[in-house]
Amino acid sequence: MIEKYTPVWHKYRPVLLKLMLDAAQGPQEYALSKHEFLDIDPRQKGGYSFTLRSFKGKVINDIKTSIVAQHLLLILQQSGKAQELTSTAIYEFTLDKQFILHVKQEEIPVEESDEEI
């Protein structure tokens, strides 16, 4: 069964990967086509906006209330390049109410040694 928002996210997959790559230089944003989401479900329960944080191909924040975010995660998990990128950094995807997708990359903090000198 195809999840209802996966075709839209699949269409944007090349853009998502470019945003992820470019996020190493700083936060990125991209205007999505609002009508593509509204055509699928004009009264999406909970709205369309979300924040999804991903590391090592898994979500690290609560997206249970956002089906839109869950379907984005499915597309990211199907991409070898996205898996590779999320293995070395945390990526944050935020879709705002104006259907602007923001992508940020956070480096993984190196744990300091607890050894005493």
N, C-alpha and C. Protein backbone atom coordinates (compact mmCIF):
# COMPACT_ATOMS: atom_id res chain seq x y z
N MET A 1 0.84 -1.20 0.00
CA MET A 1 0.00 0.00 0.00
C MET A 1 0.88 1.25 0.00
N ILE A 2 0.56 2.19 -0.86
CA ILE A 2 1.30 3.45 -0.92
C ILE A 2 0.72 4.40 0.11
N GLU A 3 1.59 4.93 0.93
CA GLU A 3 1.16 5.94 1.91
C GLU A 3 0.84 7.22 1.14
N LYS A 4 -0.17 7.95 1.58
CA LYS A 4 -0.72 9.02 0.73
C LYS A 4 0.25 10.15 0.39
N TYR A 5 1.20 10.48 1.25
CA TYR A 5 2.12 11.58 0.94
C TYR A 5 3.44 11.11 0.34
N THR A 6 3.69 9.80 0.28
CA THR A 6 4.97 9.34 -0.26
C THR A 6 5.18 9.71 -1.74
N PRO A 7 4.15 9.71 -2.59
CA PRO A 7 4.42 10.14 -3.98
C PRO A 7 4.93 11.58 -4.07
N VAL A 8 4.40 12.46 -3.23
CA VAL A 8 4.85 13.85 -3.24
C VAL A 8 6.30 13.92 -2.77
N TRP A 9 6.60 13.24 -1.65
CA TRP A 9 7.98 13.26 -1.13
C TRP A 9 8.93 12.58 -2.12
N HIS A 10 8.47 11.54 -2.78
CA HIS A 10 9.32 10.87 -3.76
C HIS A 10 9.67 11.82 -4.90
N LYS A 11 8.72 12.60 -5.33
CA LYS A 11 8.95 13.60 -6.38
C LYS A 11 10.04 14.58 -5.95
N TYR A 12 10.04 14.97 -4.68
CA TYR A 12 11.00 15.94 -4.17
C TYR A 12 12.31 15.31 -3.70
N ARG A 13 12.46 14.00 -3.81
CA ARG A 13 13.65 13.32 -3.27
C ARG A 13 14.96 13.91 -3.77
N PRO A 14 15.13 14.19 -5.07
CA PRO A 14 16.40 14.80 -5.50
C PRO A 14 16.66 16.15 -4.83
N VAL A 15 15.61 16.93 -4.65
CA VAL A 15 15.73 18.22 -3.97
C VAL A 15 16.11 18.01 -2.50
N LEU A 16 15.47 17.04 -1.86
CA LEU A 16 15.77 16.74 -0.45
C LEU A 16 17.24 16.39 -0.27
N LEU A 17 17.76 15.55 -1.16
CA LEU A 17 19.16 15.15 -1.06
C LEU A 17 20.10 16.33 -1.29
N LYS A 18 19.76 17.19 -2.24
CA LYS A 18 20.59 18.38 -2.48
C LYS A 18 20.56 19.30 -1.26
N LEU A 19 19.38 19.49 -0.68
CA LEU A 19 19.27 20.32 0.52
C LEU A 19 20.10 19.73 1.66
N MET A 20 20.08 18.41 1.79
CA MET A 20 20.86 17.76 2.84
C MET A 20 22.36 17.97 2.61
N LEU A 21 22.80 17.81 1.38
CA LEU A 21 24.22 18.03 1.06
C LEU A 21 24.62 19.48 1.33
N ASP A 22 23.80 20.42 0.87
CA ASP A 22 24.10 21.84 1.03
C ASP A 22 23.98 22.31 2.47
N ALA A 23 23.25 21.57 3.30
CA ALA A 23 23.07 21.96 4.71
C ALA A 23 24.38 21.92 5.49
N ALA A 24 25.40 21.25 4.95
CA ALA A 24 26.72 21.25 5.58
C ALA A 24 27.30 22.66 5.60
N GLN A 25 26.87 23.51 4.65
CA GLN A 25 27.35 24.89 4.57
C GLN A 25 26.47 25.86 5.36
N GLY A 26 25.29 25.42 5.77
CA GLY A 26 24.36 26.27 6.51
C GLY A 26 22.93 25.84 6.24
N PRO A 27 21.98 26.37 7.01
CA PRO A 27 20.57 26.00 6.85
C PRO A 27 20.08 26.28 5.43
N GLN A 28 19.23 25.39 4.94
CA GLN A 28 18.67 25.49 3.59
C GLN A 28 17.15 25.59 3.68
N GLU A 29 16.55 26.14 2.64
CA GLU A 29 15.09 26.13 2.57
C GLU A 29 14.64 26.02 1.12
N TYR A 30 13.44 25.48 0.97
CA TYR A 30 12.89 25.24 -0.36
C TYR A 30 11.37 25.36 -0.27
N ALA A 31 10.80 26.13 -1.19
CA ALA A 31 9.35 26.31 -1.22
C ALA A 31 8.70 25.13 -1.95
N LEU A 32 7.86 24.40 -1.23
CA LEU A 32 7.12 23.28 -1.81
C LEU A 32 5.81 23.80 -2.40
N SER A 33 5.21 23.02 -3.26
CA SER A 33 3.93 23.40 -3.87
C SER A 33 2.79 23.02 -2.92
N LYS A 34 2.19 24.03 -2.34
CA LYS A 34 1.11 23.84 -1.37
C LYS A 34 -0.01 22.97 -1.94
N HIS A 35 -0.36 23.22 -3.19
CA HIS A 35 -1.50 22.50 -3.79
C HIS A 35 -1.28 20.99 -3.84
N GLU A 36 -0.03 20.55 -3.92
CA GLU A 36 0.22 19.10 -3.97
C GLU A 36 -0.21 18.41 -2.68
N PHE A 37 -0.04 19.09 -1.57
CA PHE A 37 -0.45 18.54 -0.29
C PHE A 37 -1.96 18.69 -0.09
N LEU A 38 -2.49 19.85 -0.47
CA LEU A 38 -3.92 20.10 -0.31
C LEU A 38 -4.76 19.19 -1.21
N ASP A 39 -4.24 18.86 -2.39
CA ASP A 39 -4.96 17.96 -3.30
C ASP A 39 -5.11 16.56 -2.70
N ILE A 40 -4.14 16.14 -1.91
CA ILE A 40 -4.19 14.81 -1.29
C ILE A 40 -5.21 14.79 -0.17
N ASP A 41 -5.16 15.81 0.68
CA ASP A 41 -6.09 15.87 1.82
C ASP A 41 -6.24 17.33 2.25
N PRO A 42 -7.30 18.01 1.79
CA PRO A 42 -7.46 19.43 2.11
C PRO A 42 -7.68 19.72 3.59
N ARG A 43 -8.05 18.70 4.36
CA ARG A 43 -8.29 18.92 5.79
C ARG A 43 -7.42 17.99 6.62
N GLN A 44 -6.14 17.98 6.32
CA GLN A 44 -5.20 17.10 7.02
C GLN A 44 -5.31 17.34 8.53
N LYS A 45 -5.62 16.27 9.25
CA LYS A 45 -5.72 16.35 10.70
C LYS A 45 -4.37 16.76 11.28
N GLY A 46 -4.37 17.78 12.11
CA GLY A 46 -3.13 18.24 12.71
C GLY A 46 -2.34 19.19 11.82
N GLY A 47 -2.84 19.47 10.63
CA GLY A 47 -2.13 20.37 9.73
C GLY A 47 -0.99 19.67 9.01
N TYR A 48 -0.22 20.46 8.31
CA TYR A 48 0.87 19.93 7.49
C TYR A 48 2.24 20.20 8.09
N SER A 49 2.35 21.21 8.93
CA SER A 49 3.66 21.58 9.45
C SER A 49 4.17 20.56 10.46
N PHE A 50 5.49 20.42 10.48
CA PHE A 50 6.14 19.44 11.37
C PHE A 50 7.62 19.75 11.49
N THR A 51 8.25 19.11 12.45
CA THR A 51 9.71 19.06 12.56
C THR A 51 10.08 17.59 12.71
N LEU A 52 10.98 17.17 11.87
CA LEU A 52 11.49 15.79 11.87
C LEU A 52 13.00 15.85 12.05
N ARG A 53 13.49 15.18 13.08
CA ARG A 53 14.93 15.08 13.31
C ARG A 53 15.34 13.64 13.07
N SER A 54 16.36 13.45 12.23
CA SER A 54 16.76 12.11 11.84
C SER A 54 18.26 11.91 12.04
N PHE A 55 18.61 10.73 12.57
CA PHE A 55 20.01 10.34 12.74
C PHE A 55 20.10 8.83 12.50
N LYS A 56 21.06 8.45 11.69
CA LYS A 56 21.25 7.03 11.33
C LYS A 56 19.97 6.41 10.77
N GLY A 57 19.24 7.19 9.96
CA GLY A 57 18.05 6.68 9.31
C GLY A 57 16.83 6.54 10.19
N LYS A 58 16.95 6.99 11.43
CA LYS A 58 15.83 6.87 12.37
C LYS A 58 15.42 8.25 12.87
N VAL A 59 14.16 8.34 13.23
CA VAL A 59 13.65 9.58 13.80
C VAL A 59 14.10 9.68 15.26
N ILE A 60 14.49 10.90 15.68
CA ILE A 60 14.93 11.07 17.07
C ILE A 60 14.04 12.06 17.82
N ASN A 61 12.91 12.40 17.24
CA ASN A 61 11.91 13.19 17.95
C ASN A 61 10.53 12.58 17.66
N ASP A 62 9.52 13.07 18.32
CA ASP A 62 8.18 12.50 18.20
C ASP A 62 7.46 13.06 16.97
N ILE A 63 7.16 12.18 16.01
CA ILE A 63 6.40 12.60 14.82
C ILE A 63 5.10 11.80 14.70
N LYS A 64 4.67 11.21 15.79
CA LYS A 64 3.46 10.37 15.76
C LYS A 64 2.23 11.12 15.28
N THR A 65 2.16 12.43 15.54
CA THR A 65 0.97 13.19 15.17
C THR A 65 1.05 13.75 13.75
N SER A 66 2.17 13.54 13.05
CA SER A 66 2.31 14.09 11.70
C SER A 66 2.51 12.98 10.67
N ILE A 67 1.46 12.66 9.96
CA ILE A 67 1.54 11.65 8.90
C ILE A 67 2.43 12.16 7.77
N VAL A 68 2.45 13.48 7.56
CA VAL A 68 3.28 14.08 6.52
C VAL A 68 4.76 13.81 6.83
N ALA A 69 5.16 14.00 8.08
CA ALA A 69 6.55 13.74 8.50
C ALA A 69 6.87 12.25 8.43
N GLN A 70 5.93 11.42 8.81
CA GLN A 70 6.16 9.97 8.77
C GLN A 70 6.43 9.50 7.34
N HIS A 71 5.71 10.06 6.39
CA HIS A 71 5.90 9.66 5.00
C HIS A 71 7.20 10.21 4.44
N LEU A 72 7.62 11.39 4.89
CA LEU A 72 8.95 11.89 4.51
C LEU A 72 10.02 10.94 5.03
N LEU A 73 9.90 10.50 6.26
CA LEU A 73 10.87 9.57 6.83
C LEU A 73 10.97 8.29 6.00
N LEU A 74 9.83 7.78 5.54
CA LEU A 74 9.85 6.57 4.70
C LEU A 74 10.69 6.77 3.44
N ILE A 75 10.53 7.92 2.81
CA ILE A 75 11.30 8.22 1.59
C ILE A 75 12.78 8.34 1.91
N LEU A 76 13.11 9.00 3.01
CA LEU A 76 14.52 9.14 3.40
C LEU A 76 15.14 7.77 3.70
N GLN A 77 14.37 6.89 4.31
CA GLN A 77 14.87 5.56 4.64
C GLN A 77 15.10 4.70 3.40
N GLN A 78 14.45 5.03 2.30
CA GLN A 78 14.61 4.28 1.05
C GLN A 78 15.80 4.77 0.23
N SER A 79 16.40 5.87 0.64
CA SER A 79 17.50 6.46 -0.12
C SER A 79 18.84 6.10 0.52
N GLY A 80 19.69 5.44 -0.26
CA GLY A 80 21.02 5.11 0.23
C GLY A 80 21.82 6.35 0.58
N LYS A 81 21.71 7.40 -0.24
CA LYS A 81 22.45 8.64 0.01
C LYS A 81 21.96 9.30 1.29
N ALA A 82 20.66 9.34 1.52
CA ALA A 82 20.13 9.93 2.75
C ALA A 82 20.60 9.13 3.96
N GLN A 83 20.63 7.81 3.83
CA GLN A 83 21.12 6.96 4.92
C GLN A 83 22.58 7.28 5.23
N GLU A 84 23.37 7.44 4.17
CA GLU A 84 24.79 7.77 4.32
C GLU A 84 24.96 9.12 5.04
N LEU A 85 24.19 10.11 4.61
CA LEU A 85 24.30 11.44 5.21
C LEU A 85 23.87 11.44 6.68
N THR A 86 22.78 10.73 6.99
CA THR A 86 22.31 10.73 8.38
C THR A 86 23.15 9.84 9.29
N SER A 87 24.11 9.11 8.71
CA SER A 87 24.98 8.29 9.56
C SER A 87 26.07 9.13 10.23
N THR A 88 26.30 10.34 9.70
CA THR A 88 27.38 11.17 10.23
C THR A 88 26.90 12.47 10.87
N ALA A 89 25.62 12.78 10.74
CA ALA A 89 25.10 14.03 11.29
C ALA A 89 23.60 13.90 11.55
N ILE A 90 23.09 14.78 12.39
CA ILE A 90 21.65 14.86 12.64
C ILE A 90 21.09 15.86 11.63
N TYR A 91 20.00 15.49 10.99
CA TYR A 91 19.33 16.39 10.06
C TYR A 91 17.96 16.74 10.62
N GLU A 92 17.64 18.02 10.53
CA GLU A 92 16.34 18.50 10.98
C GLU A 92 15.59 19.05 9.78
N PHE A 93 14.41 18.50 9.54
CA PHE A 93 13.51 18.93 8.46
C PHE A 93 12.31 19.59 9.11
N THR A 94 12.04 20.83 8.74
CA THR A 94 10.88 21.54 9.28
C THR A 94 10.05 22.06 8.12
N LEU A 95 8.78 21.70 8.10
CA LEU A 95 7.85 22.23 7.11
C LEU A 95 6.98 23.25 7.84
N ASP A 96 7.06 24.51 7.40
CA ASP A 96 6.28 25.54 8.09
C ASP A 96 4.91 25.71 7.43
N LYS A 97 4.11 26.62 7.98
CA LYS A 97 2.73 26.80 7.51
C LYS A 97 2.64 27.39 6.11
N GLN A 98 3.75 27.96 5.63
CA GLN A 98 3.78 28.51 4.27
C GLN A 98 4.33 27.47 3.27
N PHE A 99 4.49 26.23 3.74
CA PHE A 99 5.00 25.13 2.93
C PHE A 99 6.44 25.36 2.47
N ILE A 100 7.21 26.02 3.33
CA ILE A 100 8.65 26.15 3.13
C ILE A 100 9.31 25.03 3.93
N LEU A 101 10.11 24.23 3.26
CA LEU A 101 10.84 23.16 3.93
C LEU A 101 12.22 23.68 4.31
N HIS A 102 12.53 23.62 5.59
CA HIS A 102 13.83 24.04 6.12
C HIS A 102 14.62 22.79 6.47
N VAL A 103 15.89 22.78 6.07
CA VAL A 103 16.76 21.64 6.37
C VAL A 103 18.02 22.15 7.05
N LYS A 104 18.31 21.59 8.23
CA LYS A 104 19.52 21.96 8.97
C LYS A 104 20.30 20.69 9.28
N GLN A 105 21.60 20.85 9.32
CA GLN A 105 22.48 19.75 9.70
C GLN A 105 23.17 20.10 11.01
N GLU A 106 23.19 19.15 11.93
CA GLU A 106 23.91 19.33 13.19
C GLU A 106 24.99 18.27 13.25
N GLU A 107 26.20 18.72 13.50
CA GLU A 107 27.29 17.76 13.68
C GLU A 107 27.05 16.99 14.97
N ILE A 108 27.49 15.77 15.00
CA ILE A 108 27.37 14.96 16.21
C ILE A 108 28.46 15.41 17.17
N PRO A 109 28.07 15.80 18.39
CA PRO A 109 29.10 16.23 19.34
C PRO A 109 30.02 15.06 19.71
N VAL A 110 31.31 15.34 19.69
CA VAL A 110 32.28 14.33 20.09
C VAL A 110 32.27 14.26 21.60
N GLU A 111 32.06 13.06 22.11
CA GLU A 111 32.00 12.91 23.57
C GLU A 111 33.39 13.08 24.15
N GLU A 112 33.45 13.92 25.17
CA GLU A 112 34.73 14.15 25.82
C GLU A 112 35.04 12.99 26.74
N SER A 113 36.31 12.73 26.85
CA SER A 113 36.76 11.63 27.70
C SER A 113 36.55 11.98 29.16
N ASP A 114 36.11 11.00 29.94
CA ASP A 114 35.92 11.20 31.37
C ASP A 114 37.18 10.89 32.16
N GLU A 115 38.22 10.52 31.43
CA GLU A 115 39.46 10.16 32.12
C GLU A 115 40.09 11.38 32.77
N GLU A 116 40.62 11.16 33.94
CA GLU A 116 41.30 12.25 34.62
C GLU A 116 42.79 12.13 34.36
N ILE A 117 43.42 13.27 34.22
CA ILE A 117 44.86 13.27 33.95
C ILE A 117 45.63 13.46 35.23
